[in-house]
PDB file of all heavy atoms in Angstrom:
ATOM      1  N   GLY A   1      -2.036  -4.594   7.561  1.00  0.00           N
ATOM      2  CA  GLY A   1      -1.185  -4.673   8.743  1.00  0.00           C
ATOM      3  C   GLY A   1       0.226  -4.183   8.463  1.00  0.00           C
ATOM      4  O   GLY A   1       0.433  -3.186   7.761  1.00  0.00           O
ATOM      5  N   ASP A   2       1.214  -4.906   8.984  1.00  0.00           N
ATOM      6  CA  ASP A   2       2.607  -4.491   8.856  1.00  0.00           C
ATOM      7  C   ASP A   2       3.128  -4.564   7.433  1.00  0.00           C
ATOM      8  O   ASP A   2       4.142  -3.946   7.108  1.00  0.00           O
ATOM      9  CB  ASP A   2       3.497  -5.361   9.760  1.00  0.00           C
ATOM     10  CG  ASP A   2       3.242  -5.109  11.241  1.00  0.00           C
ATOM     11  OD1 ASP A   2       2.729  -4.027  11.567  1.00  0.00           O
ATOM     12  OD2 ASP A   2       3.562  -5.990  12.052  1.00  0.00           O
ATOM     13  N   LEU A   3       2.457  -5.303   6.559  1.00  0.00           N
ATOM     14  CA  LEU A   3       2.914  -5.412   5.172  1.00  0.00           C
ATOM     15  C   LEU A   3       2.937  -4.058   4.472  1.00  0.00           C
ATOM     16  O   LEU A   3       3.742  -3.826   3.573  1.00  0.00           O
ATOM     17  CB  LEU A   3       2.008  -6.359   4.373  1.00  0.00           C
ATOM     18  CG  LEU A   3       2.113  -7.859   4.622  1.00  0.00           C
ATOM     19  CD1 LEU A   3       1.109  -8.600   3.741  1.00  0.00           C
ATOM     20  CD2 LEU A   3       3.528  -8.367   4.358  1.00  0.00           C
ATOM     21  N   GLU A   4       2.041  -3.151   4.864  1.00  0.00           N
ATOM     22  CA  GLU A   4       1.903  -1.889   4.139  1.00  0.00           C
ATOM     23  C   GLU A   4       2.492  -0.691   4.873  1.00  0.00           C
ATOM     24  O   GLU A   4       2.412   0.433   4.379  1.00  0.00           O
ATOM     25  CB  GLU A   4       0.425  -1.604   3.843  1.00  0.00           C
ATOM     26  CG  GLU A   4      -0.434  -1.392   5.073  1.00  0.00           C
ATOM     27  CD  GLU A   4      -1.890  -1.078   4.731  1.00  0.00           C
ATOM     28  OE1 GLU A   4      -2.138  -0.591   3.605  1.00  0.00           O
ATOM     29  OE2 GLU A   4      -2.763  -1.316   5.569  1.00  0.00           O
ATOM     30  N   THR A   5       3.123  -0.915   6.034  1.00  0.00           N
ATOM     31  CA  THR A   5       3.662   0.221   6.793  1.00  0.00           C
ATOM     32  C   THR A   5       5.147   0.437   6.547  1.00  0.00           C
ATOM     33  O   THR A   5       5.718   1.408   7.041  1.00  0.00           O
ATOM     34  CB  THR A   5       3.433   0.013   8.301  1.00  0.00           C
ATOM     35  OG1 THR A   5       4.109  -1.185   8.722  1.00  0.00           O
ATOM     36  CG2 THR A   5       1.952  -0.093   8.623  1.00  0.00           C
ATOM     37  N   VAL A   6       5.772  -0.469   5.789  1.00  0.00           N
ATOM     38  CA  VAL A   6       7.221  -0.394   5.567  1.00  0.00           C
ATOM     39  C   VAL A   6       7.517  -0.093   4.099  1.00  0.00           C
ATOM     40  O   VAL A   6       6.658  -0.189   3.240  1.00  0.00           O
ATOM     41  CB  VAL A   6       7.907  -1.718   5.972  1.00  0.00           C
ATOM     42  CG1 VAL A   6       7.740  -1.967   7.465  1.00  0.00           C
ATOM     43  CG2 VAL A   6       7.332  -2.902   5.180  1.00  0.00           C
ATOM     44  N   MET A   7       8.746   0.295   3.836  1.00  0.00           N
ATOM     45  CA  MET A   7       9.274   0.486   2.483  1.00  0.00           C
ATOM     46  C   MET A   7       8.338   1.307   1.600  1.00  0.00           C
ATOM     47  O   MET A   7       8.078   2.461   1.890  1.00  0.00           O
ATOM     48  CB  MET A   7       9.616  -0.890   1.885  1.00  0.00           C
ATOM     49  CG  MET A   7      10.683  -1.607   2.700  1.00  0.00           C
ATOM     50  SD  MET A   7      11.309  -3.146   1.988  1.00  0.00           S
ATOM     51  CE  MET A   7       9.881  -4.218   1.976  1.00  0.00           C
ATOM     52  N   GLU A   8       7.790   0.711   0.538  1.00  0.00           N
ATOM     53  CA  GLU A   8       6.907   1.461  -0.362  1.00  0.00           C
ATOM     54  C   GLU A   8       5.718   2.062   0.383  1.00  0.00           C
ATOM     55  O   GLU A   8       5.310   3.187   0.115  1.00  0.00           O
ATOM     56  CB  GLU A   8       6.407   0.558  -1.484  1.00  0.00           C
ATOM     57  CG  GLU A   8       7.471   0.080  -2.440  1.00  0.00           C
ATOM     58  CD  GLU A   8       8.109   1.215  -3.194  1.00  0.00           C
ATOM     59  OE1 GLU A   8       7.461   1.772  -4.094  1.00  0.00           O
ATOM     60  OE2 GLU A   8       9.265   1.562  -2.871  1.00  0.00           O
ATOM     61  N   GLY A   9       5.174   1.306   1.308  1.00  0.00           N
ATOM     62  CA  GLY A   9       4.031   1.788   2.065  1.00  0.00           C
ATOM     63  C   GLY A   9       4.361   3.004   2.909  1.00  0.00           C
ATOM     64  O   GLY A   9       3.531   3.908   3.070  1.00  0.00           O
ATOM     65  N   LYS A  10       5.562   3.041   3.424  1.00  0.00           N
ATOM     66  CA  LYS A  10       5.998   4.166   4.265  1.00  0.00           C
ATOM     67  C   LYS A  10       6.151   5.443   3.442  1.00  0.00           C
ATOM     68  O   LYS A  10       5.791   6.537   3.891  1.00  0.00           O
ATOM     69  CB  LYS A  10       7.318   3.816   4.935  1.00  0.00           C
ATOM     70  CG  LYS A  10       7.905   4.923   5.798  1.00  0.00           C
ATOM     71  CD  LYS A  10       9.213   4.479   6.427  1.00  0.00           C
ATOM     72  CE  LYS A  10       9.834   5.594   7.260  1.00  0.00           C
ATOM     73  NZ  LYS A  10      11.122   5.165   7.875  1.00  0.00           N
ATOM     74  N   TYR A  11       6.691   5.306   2.231  1.00  0.00           N
ATOM     75  CA  TYR A  11       6.989   6.478   1.416  1.00  0.00           C
ATOM     76  C   TYR A  11       5.899   6.820   0.406  1.00  0.00           C
ATOM     77  O   TYR A  11       5.915   7.910  -0.172  1.00  0.00           O
ATOM     78  CB  TYR A  11       8.318   6.266   0.678  1.00  0.00           C
ATOM     79  CG  TYR A  11       9.502   6.295   1.608  1.00  0.00           C
ATOM     80  CD1 TYR A  11      10.021   5.125   2.151  1.00  0.00           C
ATOM     81  CD2 TYR A  11      10.094   7.506   1.973  1.00  0.00           C
ATOM     82  CE1 TYR A  11      11.101   5.144   3.015  1.00  0.00           C
ATOM     83  CE2 TYR A  11      11.173   7.539   2.839  1.00  0.00           C
ATOM     84  CZ  TYR A  11      11.676   6.357   3.358  1.00  0.00           C
ATOM     85  OH  TYR A  11      12.741   6.395   4.226  1.00  0.00           O
ATOM     86  N   ARG A  12       4.968   5.897   0.178  1.00  0.00           N
ATOM     87  CA  ARG A  12       3.887   6.145  -0.781  1.00  0.00           C
ATOM     88  C   ARG A  12       2.558   5.797  -0.112  1.00  0.00           C
ATOM     89  O   ARG A  12       1.908   4.816  -0.458  1.00  0.00           O
ATOM     90  CB  ARG A  12       4.098   5.312  -2.047  1.00  0.00           C
ATOM     91  CG  ARG A  12       5.410   5.566  -2.743  1.00  0.00           C
ATOM     92  CD  ARG A  12       5.570   4.688  -3.967  1.00  0.00           C
ATOM     93  NE  ARG A  12       4.643   5.078  -5.029  1.00  0.00           N
ATOM     94  CZ  ARG A  12       4.468   4.398  -6.147  1.00  0.00           C
ATOM     95  NH1 ARG A  12       5.133   3.264  -6.341  1.00  0.00           N
ATOM     96  NH2 ARG A  12       3.614   4.822  -7.067  1.00  0.00           N
ATOM     97  N   GLN A  13       2.171   6.611   0.843  1.00  0.00           N
ATOM     98  CA  GLN A  13       0.980   6.320   1.638  1.00  0.00           C
ATOM     99  C   GLN A  13      -0.260   6.270   0.752  1.00  0.00           C
ATOM    100  O   GLN A  13      -0.477   7.131  -0.090  1.00  0.00           O
ATOM    101  CB  GLN A  13       0.828   7.374   2.733  1.00  0.00           C
ATOM    102  CG  GLN A  13       1.929   7.297   3.785  1.00  0.00           C
ATOM    103  CD  GLN A  13       1.711   8.270   4.927  1.00  0.00           C
ATOM    104  OE1 GLN A  13       0.676   8.921   5.027  1.00  0.00           O
ATOM    105  NE2 GLN A  13       2.687   8.353   5.817  1.00  0.00           N
ATOM    106  N   GLY A  14      -1.046   5.216   0.946  1.00  0.00           N
ATOM    107  CA  GLY A  14      -2.258   5.023   0.169  1.00  0.00           C
ATOM    108  C   GLY A  14      -2.031   4.251  -1.121  1.00  0.00           C
ATOM    109  O   GLY A  14      -2.998   3.817  -1.763  1.00  0.00           O
ATOM    110  N   HIS A  15      -0.763   4.066  -1.492  1.00  0.00           N
ATOM    111  CA  HIS A  15      -0.437   3.398  -2.754  1.00  0.00           C
ATOM    112  C   HIS A  15      -1.007   1.981  -2.805  1.00  0.00           C
ATOM    113  O   HIS A  15      -1.667   1.603  -3.771  1.00  0.00           O
ATOM    114  CB  HIS A  15       1.081   3.358  -2.928  1.00  0.00           C
ATOM    115  CG  HIS A  15       1.549   2.478  -4.043  1.00  0.00           C
ATOM    116  ND1 HIS A  15       1.325   2.782  -5.372  1.00  0.00           N
ATOM    117  CD2 HIS A  15       2.210   1.289  -4.036  1.00  0.00           C
ATOM    118  CE1 HIS A  15       1.838   1.828  -6.130  1.00  0.00           C
ATOM    119  NE2 HIS A  15       2.372   0.912  -5.352  1.00  0.00           N
ATOM    120  N   PHE A  16      -0.770   1.203  -1.757  1.00  0.00           N
ATOM    121  CA  PHE A  16      -1.181  -0.192  -1.804  1.00  0.00           C
ATOM    122  C   PHE A  16      -2.685  -0.368  -1.681  1.00  0.00           C
ATOM    123  O   PHE A  16      -3.240  -1.355  -2.173  1.00  0.00           O
ATOM    124  CB  PHE A  16      -0.443  -1.013  -0.744  1.00  0.00           C
ATOM    125  CG  PHE A  16       1.001  -1.254  -1.096  1.00  0.00           C
ATOM    126  CD1 PHE A  16       2.015  -0.909  -0.217  1.00  0.00           C
ATOM    127  CD2 PHE A  16       1.343  -1.800  -2.308  1.00  0.00           C
ATOM    128  CE1 PHE A  16       3.340  -1.112  -0.556  1.00  0.00           C
ATOM    129  CE2 PHE A  16       2.667  -2.017  -2.658  1.00  0.00           C
ATOM    130  CZ  PHE A  16       3.668  -1.666  -1.781  1.00  0.00           C
ATOM    131  N   ASN A  17      -3.354   0.585  -1.041  1.00  0.00           N
ATOM    132  CA  ASN A  17      -4.816   0.510  -1.036  1.00  0.00           C
ATOM    133  C   ASN A  17      -5.335   0.689  -2.457  1.00  0.00           C
ATOM    134  O   ASN A  17      -6.262  -0.008  -2.891  1.00  0.00           O
ATOM    135  CB  ASN A  17      -5.408   1.576  -0.115  1.00  0.00           C
ATOM    136  CG  ASN A  17      -6.852   1.287   0.233  1.00  0.00           C
ATOM    137  OD1 ASN A  17      -7.143   0.402   1.043  1.00  0.00           O
ATOM    138  ND2 ASN A  17      -7.783   2.001  -0.388  1.00  0.00           N
ATOM    139  N   GLY A  18      -4.702   1.602  -3.205  1.00  0.00           N
ATOM    140  CA  GLY A  18      -5.078   1.797  -4.600  1.00  0.00           C
ATOM    141  C   GLY A  18      -4.781   0.579  -5.456  1.00  0.00           C
ATOM    142  O   GLY A  18      -5.565   0.226  -6.344  1.00  0.00           O
ATOM    143  N   VAL A  19      -3.652  -0.084  -5.183  1.00  0.00           N
ATOM    144  CA  VAL A  19      -3.305  -1.316  -5.901  1.00  0.00           C
ATOM    145  C   VAL A  19      -4.357  -2.392  -5.632  1.00  0.00           C
ATOM    146  O   VAL A  19      -4.839  -3.054  -6.554  1.00  0.00           O
ATOM    147  CB  VAL A  19      -1.908  -1.819  -5.479  1.00  0.00           C
ATOM    148  CG1 VAL A  19      -1.665  -3.234  -5.999  1.00  0.00           C
ATOM    149  CG2 VAL A  19      -0.820  -0.881  -5.983  1.00  0.00           C
ATOM    150  N   ALA A  20      -4.708  -2.559  -4.368  1.00  0.00           N
ATOM    151  CA  ALA A  20      -5.692  -3.583  -4.000  1.00  0.00           C
ATOM    152  C   ALA A  20      -7.050  -3.278  -4.617  1.00  0.00           C
ATOM    153  O   ALA A  20      -7.763  -4.194  -5.067  1.00  0.00           O
ATOM    154  CB  ALA A  20      -5.806  -3.676  -2.481  1.00  0.00           C
ATOM    155  N   GLN A  21      -7.424  -2.006  -4.657  1.00  0.00           N
ATOM    156  CA  GLN A  21      -8.698  -1.641  -5.266  1.00  0.00           C
ATOM    157  C   GLN A  21      -8.746  -2.053  -6.734  1.00  0.00           C
ATOM    158  O   GLN A  21      -9.687  -2.717  -7.184  1.00  0.00           O
ATOM    159  CB  GLN A  21      -8.923  -0.126  -5.151  1.00  0.00           C
ATOM    160  CG  GLN A  21      -9.278   0.352  -3.760  1.00  0.00           C
ATOM    161  CD  GLN A  21      -9.395   1.866  -3.686  1.00  0.00           C
ATOM    162  OE1 GLN A  21      -8.918   2.584  -4.557  1.00  0.00           O
ATOM    163  NE2 GLN A  21     -10.039   2.359  -2.633  1.00  0.00           N
ATOM    164  N   VAL A  22      -7.703  -1.674  -7.487  1.00  0.00           N
ATOM    165  CA  VAL A  22      -7.756  -1.934  -8.928  1.00  0.00           C
ATOM    166  C   VAL A  22      -7.573  -3.415  -9.247  1.00  0.00           C
ATOM    167  O   VAL A  22      -8.275  -3.956 -10.120  1.00  0.00           O
ATOM    168  CB  VAL A  22      -6.720  -1.083  -9.692  1.00  0.00           C
ATOM    169  CG1 VAL A  22      -5.302  -1.575  -9.485  1.00  0.00           C
ATOM    170  CG2 VAL A  22      -7.063  -1.067 -11.182  1.00  0.00           C
ATOM    171  N   VAL A  23      -6.663  -4.095  -8.548  1.00  0.00           N
ATOM    172  CA  VAL A  23      -6.442  -5.507  -8.858  1.00  0.00           C
ATOM    173  C   VAL A  23      -7.681  -6.329  -8.499  1.00  0.00           C
ATOM    174  O   VAL A  23      -8.082  -7.227  -9.247  1.00  0.00           O
ATOM    175  CB  VAL A  23      -5.181  -6.046  -8.143  1.00  0.00           C
ATOM    176  CG1 VAL A  23      -5.048  -7.555  -8.346  1.00  0.00           C
ATOM    177  CG2 VAL A  23      -3.935  -5.346  -8.673  1.00  0.00           C
ATOM    178  N   SER A  24      -8.310  -6.026  -7.377  1.00  0.00           N
ATOM    179  CA  SER A  24      -9.526  -6.762  -7.014  1.00  0.00           C
ATOM    180  C   SER A  24     -10.647  -6.481  -8.008  1.00  0.00           C
ATOM    181  O   SER A  24     -11.420  -7.383  -8.370  1.00  0.00           O
ATOM    182  CB  SER A  24      -9.963  -6.421  -5.587  1.00  0.00           C
ATOM    183  OG  SER A  24     -10.252  -5.037  -5.448  1.00  0.00           O
TER     184      SER A  24
END
């Protein structure tokens, strides 16, 4: 949701999906 559309998420699209994939 909104957690990933701002700041790092805005400038590094797909970054947090990759983080969630590896950490999980």
